[in-house]
PDB file of all heavy atoms in Angstrom:
ATOM      1  N   LYS A   1       0.831  -1.211   0.000  1.00  0.00           N
ATOM      2  CA  LYS A   1       0.000   0.000   0.000  1.00  0.00           C
ATOM      3  C   LYS A   1       0.862   1.256   0.000  1.00  0.00           C
ATOM      4  O   LYS A   1       0.534   2.250  -0.648  1.00  0.00           O
ATOM      5  CB  LYS A   1      -0.927   0.000   1.212  1.00  0.00           C
ATOM      6  CG  LYS A   1      -2.011  -1.044   1.137  1.00  0.00           C
ATOM      7  CD  LYS A   1      -2.849  -1.056   2.392  1.00  0.00           C
ATOM      8  CE  LYS A   1      -3.843  -2.203   2.360  1.00  0.00           C
ATOM      9  NZ  LYS A   1      -4.532  -2.388   3.616  1.00  0.00           N
ATOM     10  N   ARG A   2       1.954   1.229   0.737  1.00  0.00           N
ATOM     11  CA  ARG A   2       2.841   2.391   0.803  1.00  0.00           C
ATOM     12  C   ARG A   2       3.484   2.664  -0.558  1.00  0.00           C
ATOM     13  O   ARG A   2       3.554   3.806  -1.004  1.00  0.00           O
ATOM     14  CB  ARG A   2       3.904   2.183   1.874  1.00  0.00           C
ATOM     15  CG  ARG A   2       3.278   2.116   3.270  1.00  0.00           C
ATOM     16  CD  ARG A   2       4.171   1.451   4.301  1.00  0.00           C
ATOM     17  NE  ARG A   2       4.593   0.098   3.981  1.00  0.00           N
ATOM     18  CZ  ARG A   2       3.843  -1.002   4.061  1.00  0.00           C
ATOM     19  NH1 ARG A   2       2.587  -0.911   4.433  1.00  0.00           N
ATOM     20  NH2 ARG A   2       4.325  -2.182   3.756  1.00  0.00           N
ATOM     21  N   ARG A   3       3.953   1.599  -1.218  1.00  0.00           N
ATOM     22  CA  ARG A   3       4.574   1.790  -2.538  1.00  0.00           C
ATOM     23  C   ARG A   3       3.553   2.273  -3.562  1.00  0.00           C
ATOM     24  O   ARG A   3       3.857   3.131  -4.388  1.00  0.00           O
ATOM     25  CB  ARG A   3       5.242   0.496  -2.995  1.00  0.00           C
ATOM     26  CG  ARG A   3       6.502   0.188  -2.215  1.00  0.00           C
ATOM     27  CD  ARG A   3       7.264  -1.004  -2.768  1.00  0.00           C
ATOM     28  NE  ARG A   3       8.423  -1.249  -1.931  1.00  0.00           N
ATOM     29  CZ  ARG A   3       8.671  -2.390  -1.289  1.00  0.00           C
ATOM     30  NH1 ARG A   3       7.830  -3.418  -1.423  1.00  0.00           N
ATOM     31  NH2 ARG A   3       9.739  -2.513  -0.533  1.00  0.00           N
ATOM     32  N   ILE A   4       2.358   1.730  -3.525  1.00  0.00           N
ATOM     33  CA  ILE A   4       1.302   2.156  -4.456  1.00  0.00           C
ATOM     34  C   ILE A   4       0.964   3.628  -4.239  1.00  0.00           C
ATOM     35  O   ILE A   4       0.820   4.397  -5.201  1.00  0.00           O
ATOM     36  CB  ILE A   4       0.053   1.258  -4.306  1.00  0.00           C
ATOM     37  CG1 ILE A   4       0.373  -0.164  -4.793  1.00  0.00           C
ATOM     38  CG2 ILE A   4      -1.135   1.841  -5.061  1.00  0.00           C
ATOM     39  CD1 ILE A   4      -0.677  -1.196  -4.416  1.00  0.00           C
ATOM     40  N   GLU A   5       0.873   4.039  -2.993  1.00  0.00           N
ATOM     41  CA  GLU A   5       0.574   5.440  -2.671  1.00  0.00           C
ATOM     42  C   GLU A   5       1.656   6.370  -3.222  1.00  0.00           C
ATOM     43  O   GLU A   5       1.359   7.389  -3.849  1.00  0.00           O
ATOM     44  CB  GLU A   5       0.464   5.591  -1.152  1.00  0.00           C
ATOM     45  CG  GLU A   5       0.157   6.982  -0.676  1.00  0.00           C
ATOM     46  CD  GLU A   5       0.090   7.037   0.840  1.00  0.00           C
ATOM     47  OE1 GLU A   5      -0.575   6.190   1.458  1.00  0.00           O
ATOM     48  OE2 GLU A   5       0.726   7.944   1.413  1.00  0.00           O
ATOM     49  N   ILE A   6       2.917   6.013  -3.006  1.00  0.00           N
ATOM     50  CA  ILE A   6       4.014   6.860  -3.488  1.00  0.00           C
ATOM     51  C   ILE A   6       4.076   6.832  -5.013  1.00  0.00           C
ATOM     52  O   ILE A   6       4.284   7.864  -5.656  1.00  0.00           O
ATOM     53  CB  ILE A   6       5.352   6.430  -2.862  1.00  0.00           C
ATOM     54  CG1 ILE A   6       5.311   6.665  -1.342  1.00  0.00           C
ATOM     55  CG2 ILE A   6       6.511   7.206  -3.485  1.00  0.00           C
ATOM     56  CD1 ILE A   6       6.455   6.041  -0.575  1.00  0.00           C
ATOM     57  N   MET A   7       3.876   5.667  -5.595  1.00  0.00           N
ATOM     58  CA  MET A   7       3.875   5.546  -7.059  1.00  0.00           C
ATOM     59  C   MET A   7       2.819   6.468  -7.657  1.00  0.00           C
ATOM     60  O   MET A   7       3.071   7.140  -8.661  1.00  0.00           O
ATOM     61  CB  MET A   7       3.613   4.081  -7.429  1.00  0.00           C
ATOM     62  CG  MET A   7       3.836   3.762  -8.857  1.00  0.00           C
ATOM     63  SD  MET A   7       5.581   3.610  -9.243  1.00  0.00           S
ATOM     64  CE  MET A   7       5.410   3.089 -10.941  1.00  0.00           C
ATOM     65  N   SER A   8       1.654   6.532  -7.024  1.00  0.00           N
ATOM     66  CA  SER A   8       0.566   7.392  -7.504  1.00  0.00           C
ATOM     67  C   SER A   8       0.927   8.867  -7.432  1.00  0.00           C
ATOM     68  O   SER A   8       0.413   9.670  -8.212  1.00  0.00           O
ATOM     69  CB  SER A   8      -0.709   7.145  -6.694  1.00  0.00           C
ATOM     70  OG  SER A   8      -1.157   5.832  -6.882  1.00  0.00           O
ATOM     71  N   GLU A   9       1.789   9.222  -6.498  1.00  0.00           N
ATOM     72  CA  GLU A   9       2.244  10.613  -6.397  1.00  0.00           C
ATOM     73  C   GLU A   9       3.216  10.970  -7.516  1.00  0.00           C
ATOM     74  O   GLU A   9       3.341  12.136  -7.885  1.00  0.00           O
ATOM     75  CB  GLU A   9       2.926  10.846  -5.046  1.00  0.00           C
ATOM     76  CG  GLU A   9       2.000  10.723  -3.856  1.00  0.00           C
ATOM     77  CD  GLU A   9       2.746  10.704  -2.523  1.00  0.00           C
ATOM     78  OE1 GLU A   9       3.991  10.816  -2.512  1.00  0.00           O
ATOM     79  OE2 GLU A   9       2.066  10.573  -1.492  1.00  0.00           O
ATOM     80  N   LEU A  10       3.915   9.965  -8.048  1.00  0.00           N
ATOM     81  CA  LEU A  10       4.961  10.223  -9.040  1.00  0.00           C
ATOM     82  C   LEU A  10       4.504  10.060 -10.487  1.00  0.00           C
ATOM     83  O   LEU A  10       4.966  10.781 -11.364  1.00  0.00           O
ATOM     84  CB  LEU A  10       6.155   9.284  -8.800  1.00  0.00           C
ATOM     85  CG  LEU A  10       6.852   9.387  -7.449  1.00  0.00           C
ATOM     86  CD1 LEU A  10       8.010   8.408  -7.386  1.00  0.00           C
ATOM     87  CD2 LEU A  10       7.326  10.814  -7.188  1.00  0.00           C
ATOM     88  N   PHE A  11       3.635   9.078 -10.728  1.00  0.00           N
ATOM     89  CA  PHE A  11       3.261   8.733 -12.101  1.00  0.00           C
ATOM     90  C   PHE A  11       1.753   8.571 -12.197  1.00  0.00           C
ATOM     91  O   PHE A  11       1.147   7.891 -11.378  1.00  0.00           O
ATOM     92  CB  PHE A  11       3.957   7.436 -12.530  1.00  0.00           C
ATOM     93  CG  PHE A  11       5.450   7.484 -12.357  1.00  0.00           C
ATOM     94  CD1 PHE A  11       6.058   6.807 -11.312  1.00  0.00           C
ATOM     95  CD2 PHE A  11       6.246   8.229 -13.218  1.00  0.00           C
ATOM     96  CE1 PHE A  11       7.436   6.859 -11.128  1.00  0.00           C
ATOM     97  CE2 PHE A  11       7.619   8.287 -13.043  1.00  0.00           C
ATOM     98  CZ  PHE A  11       8.221   7.599 -11.995  1.00  0.00           C
ATOM     99  N   GLU A  12       1.171   9.175 -13.234  1.00  0.00           N
ATOM    100  CA  GLU A  12      -0.277   9.077 -13.418  1.00  0.00           C
ATOM    101  C   GLU A  12      -0.697   7.703 -13.915  1.00  0.00           C
ATOM    102  O   GLU A  12      -1.688   7.151 -13.459  1.00  0.00           O
ATOM    103  CB  GLU A  12      -0.743  10.149 -14.411  1.00  0.00           C
ATOM    104  CG  GLU A  12      -0.738  11.542 -13.830  1.00  0.00           C
ATOM    105  CD  GLU A  12      -1.261  12.560 -14.820  1.00  0.00           C
ATOM    106  OE1 GLU A  12      -1.995  12.187 -15.756  1.00  0.00           O
ATOM    107  OE2 GLU A  12      -0.925  13.743 -14.656  1.00  0.00           O
ATOM    108  N   ASP A  13       0.040   7.189 -14.871  1.00  0.00           N
ATOM    109  CA  ASP A  13      -0.336   5.913 -15.486  1.00  0.00           C
ATOM    110  C   ASP A  13       0.682   4.833 -15.149  1.00  0.00           C
ATOM    111  O   ASP A  13       1.859   4.962 -15.501  1.00  0.00           O
ATOM    112  CB  ASP A  13      -0.420   6.055 -17.012  1.00  0.00           C
ATOM    113  CG  ASP A  13      -1.557   6.959 -17.433  1.00  0.00           C
ATOM    114  OD1 ASP A  13      -2.615   6.911 -16.779  1.00  0.00           O
ATOM    115  OD2 ASP A  13      -1.383   7.705 -18.419  1.00  0.00           O
ATOM    116  N   TYR A  14       0.222   3.809 -14.502  1.00  0.00           N
ATOM    117  CA  TYR A  14       1.050   2.641 -14.238  1.00  0.00           C
ATOM    118  C   TYR A  14       0.123   1.488 -13.896  1.00  0.00           C
ATOM    119  O   TYR A  14      -1.043   1.674 -13.584  1.00  0.00           O
ATOM    120  CB  TYR A  14       2.049   2.893 -13.102  1.00  0.00           C
ATOM    121  CG  TYR A  14       1.415   3.087 -11.749  1.00  0.00           C
ATOM    122  CD1 TYR A  14       1.251   2.005 -10.886  1.00  0.00           C
ATOM    123  CD2 TYR A  14       0.960   4.329 -11.338  1.00  0.00           C
ATOM    124  CE1 TYR A  14       0.641   2.168  -9.649  1.00  0.00           C
ATOM    125  CE2 TYR A  14       0.357   4.505 -10.117  1.00  0.00           C
ATOM    126  CZ  TYR A  14       0.205   3.418  -9.270  1.00  0.00           C
ATOM    127  OH  TYR A  14      -0.401   3.578  -8.052  1.00  0.00           O
ATOM    128  N   LYS A  15       0.661   0.299 -13.990  1.00  0.00           N
ATOM    129  CA  LYS A  15      -0.081  -0.904 -13.643  1.00  0.00           C
ATOM    130  C   LYS A  15       0.554  -1.524 -12.405  1.00  0.00           C
ATOM    131  O   LYS A  15       1.704  -1.251 -12.078  1.00  0.00           O
ATOM    132  CB  LYS A  15      -0.023  -1.923 -14.785  1.00  0.00           C
ATOM    133  CG  LYS A  15      -0.637  -1.456 -16.077  1.00  0.00           C
ATOM    134  CD  LYS A  15      -0.425  -2.530 -17.140  1.00  0.00           C
ATOM    135  CE  LYS A  15      -0.921  -2.063 -18.492  1.00  0.00           C
ATOM    136  NZ  LYS A  15      -0.620  -3.048 -19.535  1.00  0.00           N
ATOM    137  N   ILE A  16      -0.211  -2.374 -11.766  1.00  0.00           N
ATOM    138  CA  ILE A  16       0.290  -3.117 -10.610  1.00  0.00           C
ATOM    139  C   ILE A  16       0.168  -4.604 -10.919  1.00  0.00           C
ATOM    140  O   ILE A  16      -0.884  -5.059 -11.367  1.00  0.00           O
ATOM    141  CB  ILE A  16      -0.520  -2.806  -9.339  1.00  0.00           C
ATOM    142  CG1 ILE A  16      -0.426  -1.326  -8.995  1.00  0.00           C
ATOM    143  CG2 ILE A  16      -0.066  -3.685  -8.165  1.00  0.00           C
ATOM    144  CD1 ILE A  16      -1.430  -0.878  -7.954  1.00  0.00           C
ATOM    145  N   GLN A  17       1.248  -5.317 -10.712  1.00  0.00           N
ATOM    146  CA  GLN A  17       1.210  -6.775 -10.808  1.00  0.00           C
ATOM    147  C   GLN A  17       2.117  -7.326  -9.725  1.00  0.00           C
ATOM    148  O   GLN A  17       3.281  -6.956  -9.642  1.00  0.00           O
ATOM    149  CB  GLN A  17       1.659  -7.271 -12.178  1.00  0.00           C
ATOM    150  CG  GLN A  17       1.514  -8.774 -12.317  1.00  0.00           C
ATOM    151  CD  GLN A  17       1.809  -9.242 -13.736  1.00  0.00           C
ATOM    152  OE1 GLN A  17       1.611  -8.514 -14.707  1.00  0.00           O
ATOM    153  NE2 GLN A  17       2.286 -10.464 -13.832  1.00  0.00           N
ATOM    154  N   VAL A  18       1.571  -8.175  -8.897  1.00  0.00           N
ATOM    155  CA  VAL A  18       2.312  -8.700  -7.749  1.00  0.00           C
ATOM    156  C   VAL A  18       3.269  -9.788  -8.212  1.00  0.00           C
ATOM    157  O   VAL A  18       2.911 -10.672  -8.983  1.00  0.00           O
ATOM    158  CB  VAL A  18       1.347  -9.246  -6.679  1.00  0.00           C
ATOM    159  CG1 VAL A  18       2.117  -9.800  -5.492  1.00  0.00           C
ATOM    160  CG2 VAL A  18       0.389  -8.155  -6.235  1.00  0.00           C
ATOM    161  N   ALA A  19       4.495  -9.697  -7.715  1.00  0.00           N
ATOM    162  CA  ALA A  19       5.505 -10.721  -7.984  1.00  0.00           C
ATOM    163  C   ALA A  19       5.359 -11.819  -6.939  1.00  0.00           C
ATOM    164  O   ALA A  19       5.500 -11.568  -5.742  1.00  0.00           O
ATOM    165  CB  ALA A  19       6.895 -10.103  -7.912  1.00  0.00           C
ATOM    166  N   ASP A  20       5.072 -13.008  -7.403  1.00  0.00           N
ATOM    167  CA  ASP A  20       4.917 -14.143  -6.502  1.00  0.00           C
ATOM    168  C   ASP A  20       6.182 -14.996  -6.578  1.00  0.00           C
ATOM    169  O   ASP A  20       6.311 -15.850  -7.457  1.00  0.00           O
ATOM    170  CB  ASP A  20       3.679 -14.956  -6.889  1.00  0.00           C
ATOM    171  CG  ASP A  20       3.389 -16.065  -5.888  1.00  0.00           C
ATOM    172  OD1 ASP A  20       3.854 -15.964  -4.730  1.00  0.00           O
ATOM    173  OD2 ASP A  20       2.705 -17.029  -6.274  1.00  0.00           O
ATOM    174  N   ILE A  21       7.139 -14.709  -5.686  1.00  0.00           N
ATOM    175  CA  ILE A  21       8.418 -15.417  -5.720  1.00  0.00           C
ATOM    176  C   ILE A  21       8.807 -15.857  -4.313  1.00  0.00           C
ATOM    177  O   ILE A  21       8.314 -15.328  -3.320  1.00  0.00           O
ATOM    178  CB  ILE A  21       9.556 -14.523  -6.278  1.00  0.00           C
ATOM    179  CG1 ILE A  21       9.801 -13.318  -5.348  1.00  0.00           C
ATOM    180  CG2 ILE A  21       9.270 -14.084  -7.699  1.00  0.00           C
ATOM    181  CD1 ILE A  21      11.126 -12.664  -5.520  1.00  0.00           C
ATOM    182  N   SER A  22       9.722 -16.796  -4.261  1.00  0.00           N
ATOM    183  CA  SER A  22      10.367 -17.153  -2.998  1.00  0.00           C
ATOM    184  C   SER A  22      11.449 -16.110  -2.756  1.00  0.00           C
ATOM    185  O   SER A  22      12.226 -15.797  -3.660  1.00  0.00           O
ATOM    186  CB  SER A  22      11.002 -18.542  -3.111  1.00  0.00           C
ATOM    187  OG  SER A  22      11.912 -18.735  -2.049  1.00  0.00           O
ATOM    188  N   GLU A  23      11.492 -15.554  -1.567  1.00  0.00           N
ATOM    189  CA  GLU A  23      12.475 -14.516  -1.278  1.00  0.00           C
ATOM    190  C   GLU A  23      13.758 -15.101  -0.696  1.00  0.00           C
ATOM    191  O   GLU A  23      14.412 -14.495   0.127  1.00  0.00           O
ATOM    192  CB  GLU A  23      11.874 -13.468  -0.341  1.00  0.00           C
ATOM    193  CG  GLU A  23      10.772 -12.672  -1.009  1.00  0.00           C
ATOM    194  CD  GLU A  23      10.304 -11.482  -0.201  1.00  0.00           C
ATOM    195  OE1 GLU A  23      11.012 -11.053   0.725  1.00  0.00           O
ATOM    196  OE2 GLU A  23       9.218 -10.983  -0.499  1.00  0.00           O
ATOM    197  N   PHE A  24      14.150 -16.263  -1.171  1.00  0.00           N
ATOM    198  CA  PHE A  24      15.368 -16.903  -0.703  1.00  0.00           C
ATOM    199  C   PHE A  24      16.492 -16.639  -1.696  1.00  0.00           C
ATOM    200  O   PHE A  24      16.335 -16.840  -2.893  1.00  0.00           O
ATOM    201  CB  PHE A  24      15.170 -18.419  -0.553  1.00  0.00           C
ATOM    202  CG  PHE A  24      16.448 -19.134  -0.198  1.00  0.00           C
ATOM    203  CD1 PHE A  24      16.944 -19.079   1.086  1.00  0.00           C
ATOM    204  CD2 PHE A  24      17.146 -19.834  -1.167  1.00  0.00           C
ATOM    205  CE1 PHE A  24      18.133 -19.722   1.407  1.00  0.00           C
ATOM    206  CE2 PHE A  24      18.335 -20.480  -0.851  1.00  0.00           C
ATOM    207  CZ  PHE A  24      18.829 -20.430   0.434  1.00  0.00           C
ATOM    208  N   VAL A  25      17.613 -16.158  -1.199  1.00  0.00           N
ATOM    209  CA  VAL A  25      18.807 -15.948  -2.004  1.00  0.00           C
ATOM    210  C   VAL A  25      19.918 -16.738  -1.331  1.00  0.00           C
ATOM    211  O   VAL A  25      20.203 -16.531  -0.141  1.00  0.00           O
ATOM    212  CB  VAL A  25      19.173 -14.449  -2.096  1.00  0.00           C
ATOM    213  CG1 VAL A  25      20.493 -14.258  -2.800  1.00  0.00           C
ATOM    214  CG2 VAL A  25      18.071 -13.684  -2.802  1.00  0.00           C
ATOM    215  N   ASP A  26      20.545 -17.649  -2.069  1.00  0.00           N
ATOM    216  CA  ASP A  26      21.521 -18.544  -1.446  1.00  0.00           C
ATOM    217  C   ASP A  26      22.873 -17.901  -1.163  1.00  0.00           C
ATOM    218  O   ASP A  26      23.555 -18.296  -0.237  1.00  0.00           O
ATOM    219  CB  ASP A  26      21.690 -19.825  -2.269  1.00  0.00           C
ATOM    220  CG  ASP A  26      22.125 -19.553  -3.697  1.00  0.00           C
ATOM    221  OD1 ASP A  26      22.179 -18.384  -4.100  1.00  0.00           O
ATOM    222  OD2 ASP A  26      22.412 -20.532  -4.403  1.00  0.00           O
ATOM    223  N   SER A  27      23.280 -16.909  -1.956  1.00  0.00           N
ATOM    224  CA  SER A  27      24.565 -16.277  -1.676  1.00  0.00           C
ATOM    225  C   SER A  27      24.522 -14.807  -2.076  1.00  0.00           C
ATOM    226  O   SER A  27      23.887 -14.431  -3.045  1.00  0.00           O
ATOM    227  CB  SER A  27      25.694 -16.985  -2.430  1.00  0.00           C
ATOM    228  OG  SER A  27      25.532 -16.826  -3.815  1.00  0.00           O
ATOM    229  N   PHE A  28      25.220 -14.008  -1.301  1.00  0.00           N
ATOM    230  CA  PHE A  28      25.335 -12.584  -1.600  1.00  0.00           C
ATOM    231  C   PHE A  28      26.570 -12.065  -0.869  1.00  0.00           C
ATOM    232  O   PHE A  28      26.975 -12.605   0.154  1.00  0.00           O
ATOM    233  CB  PHE A  28      24.078 -11.807  -1.184  1.00  0.00           C
ATOM    234  CG  PHE A  28      23.689 -11.959   0.252  1.00  0.00           C
ATOM    235  CD1 PHE A  28      24.110 -11.039   1.199  1.00  0.00           C
ATOM    236  CD2 PHE A  28      22.907 -13.034   0.673  1.00  0.00           C
ATOM    237  CE1 PHE A  28      23.751 -11.172   2.530  1.00  0.00           C
ATOM    238  CE2 PHE A  28      22.548 -13.181   1.996  1.00  0.00           C
ATOM    239  CZ  PHE A  28      22.974 -12.245   2.930  1.00  0.00           C
ATOM    240  N   SER A  29      27.177 -11.033  -1.420  1.00  0.00           N
ATOM    241  CA  SER A  29      28.420 -10.532  -0.833  1.00  0.00           C
ATOM    242  C   SER A  29      28.218  -9.344   0.094  1.00  0.00           C
ATOM    243  O   SER A  29      29.101  -9.031   0.884  1.00  0.00           O
ATOM    244  CB  SER A  29      29.414 -10.164  -1.940  1.00  0.00           C
ATOM    245  OG  SER A  29      28.867  -9.152  -2.762  1.00  0.00           O
ATOM    246  N   SER A  30      27.066  -8.690  -0.007  1.00  0.00           N
ATOM    247  CA  SER A  30      26.809  -7.535   0.854  1.00  0.00           C
ATOM    248  C   SER A  30      25.303  -7.394   1.052  1.00  0.00           C
ATOM    249  O   SER A  30      24.510  -7.975   0.312  1.00  0.00           O
ATOM    250  CB  SER A  30      27.368  -6.261   0.219  1.00  0.00           C
ATOM    251  OG  SER A  30      26.626  -5.920  -0.942  1.00  0.00           O
ATOM    252  N   ASN A  31      24.939  -6.612   2.045  1.00  0.00           N
ATOM    253  CA  ASN A  31      23.518  -6.340   2.281  1.00  0.00           C
ATOM    254  C   ASN A  31      22.881  -5.658   1.074  1.00  0.00           C
ATOM    255  O   ASN A  31      21.746  -5.964   0.701  1.00  0.00           O
ATOM    256  CB  ASN A  31      23.343  -5.476   3.533  1.00  0.00           C
ATOM    257  CG  ASN A  31      23.794  -6.185   4.792  1.00  0.00           C
ATOM    258  OD1 ASN A  31      23.982  -7.400   4.805  1.00  0.00           O
ATOM    259  ND2 ASN A  31      23.980  -5.433   5.859  1.00  0.00           N
ATOM    260  N   GLU A  32      23.630  -4.734   0.458  1.00  0.00           N
ATOM    261  CA  GLU A  32      23.123  -4.047  -0.730  1.00  0.00           C
ATOM    262  C   GLU A  32      22.882  -5.038  -1.862  1.00  0.00           C
ATOM    263  O   GLU A  32      21.878  -4.970  -2.563  1.00  0.00           O
ATOM    264  CB  GLU A  32      24.098  -2.954  -1.190  1.00  0.00           C
ATOM    265  CG  GLU A  32      24.081  -1.715  -0.329  1.00  0.00           C
ATOM    266  CD  GLU A  32      24.994  -1.792   0.893  1.00  0.00           C
ATOM    267  OE1 GLU A  32      25.651  -2.851   1.108  1.00  0.00           O
ATOM    268  OE2 GLU A  32      25.033  -0.829   1.656  1.00  0.00           O
ATOM    269  N   GLU A  33      23.806  -5.977  -2.045  1.00  0.00           N
ATOM    270  CA  GLU A  33      23.644  -6.965  -3.109  1.00  0.00           C
ATOM    271  C   GLU A  33      22.406  -7.830  -2.860  1.00  0.00           C
ATOM    272  O   GLU A  33      21.677  -8.155  -3.793  1.00  0.00           O
ATOM    273  CB  GLU A  33      24.875  -7.864  -3.221  1.00  0.00           C
ATOM    274  CG  GLU A  33      24.752  -8.851  -4.368  1.00  0.00           C
ATOM    275  CD  GLU A  33      25.916  -9.823  -4.465  1.00  0.00           C
ATOM    276  OE1 GLU A  33      27.035  -9.467  -4.068  1.00  0.00           O
ATOM    277  OE2 GLU A  33      25.675 -10.942  -4.933  1.00  0.00           O
ATOM    278  N   LEU A  34      22.146  -8.174  -1.609  1.00  0.00           N
ATOM    279  CA  LEU A  34      20.980  -8.999  -1.290  1.00  0.00           C
ATOM    280  C   LEU A  34      19.680  -8.304  -1.688  1.00  0.00           C
ATOM    281  O   LEU A  34      18.843  -8.891  -2.373  1.00  0.00           O
ATOM    282  CB  LEU A  34      20.953  -9.342   0.204  1.00  0.00           C
ATOM    283  CG  LEU A  34      19.712 -10.086   0.704  1.00  0.00           C
ATOM    284  CD1 LEU A  34      19.521 -11.409  -0.035  1.00  0.00           C
ATOM    285  CD2 LEU A  34      19.803 -10.305   2.210  1.00  0.00           C
TER     286      LEU A  34
END
């Protein structure tokens, strides 16, 4: 809801589609990379 609200403030036309994924990442070198 927060992202949709901010997106609406920035762009008039956009679509929303939810990403249905597993949020597991097996390796990363930094917090930023994750």
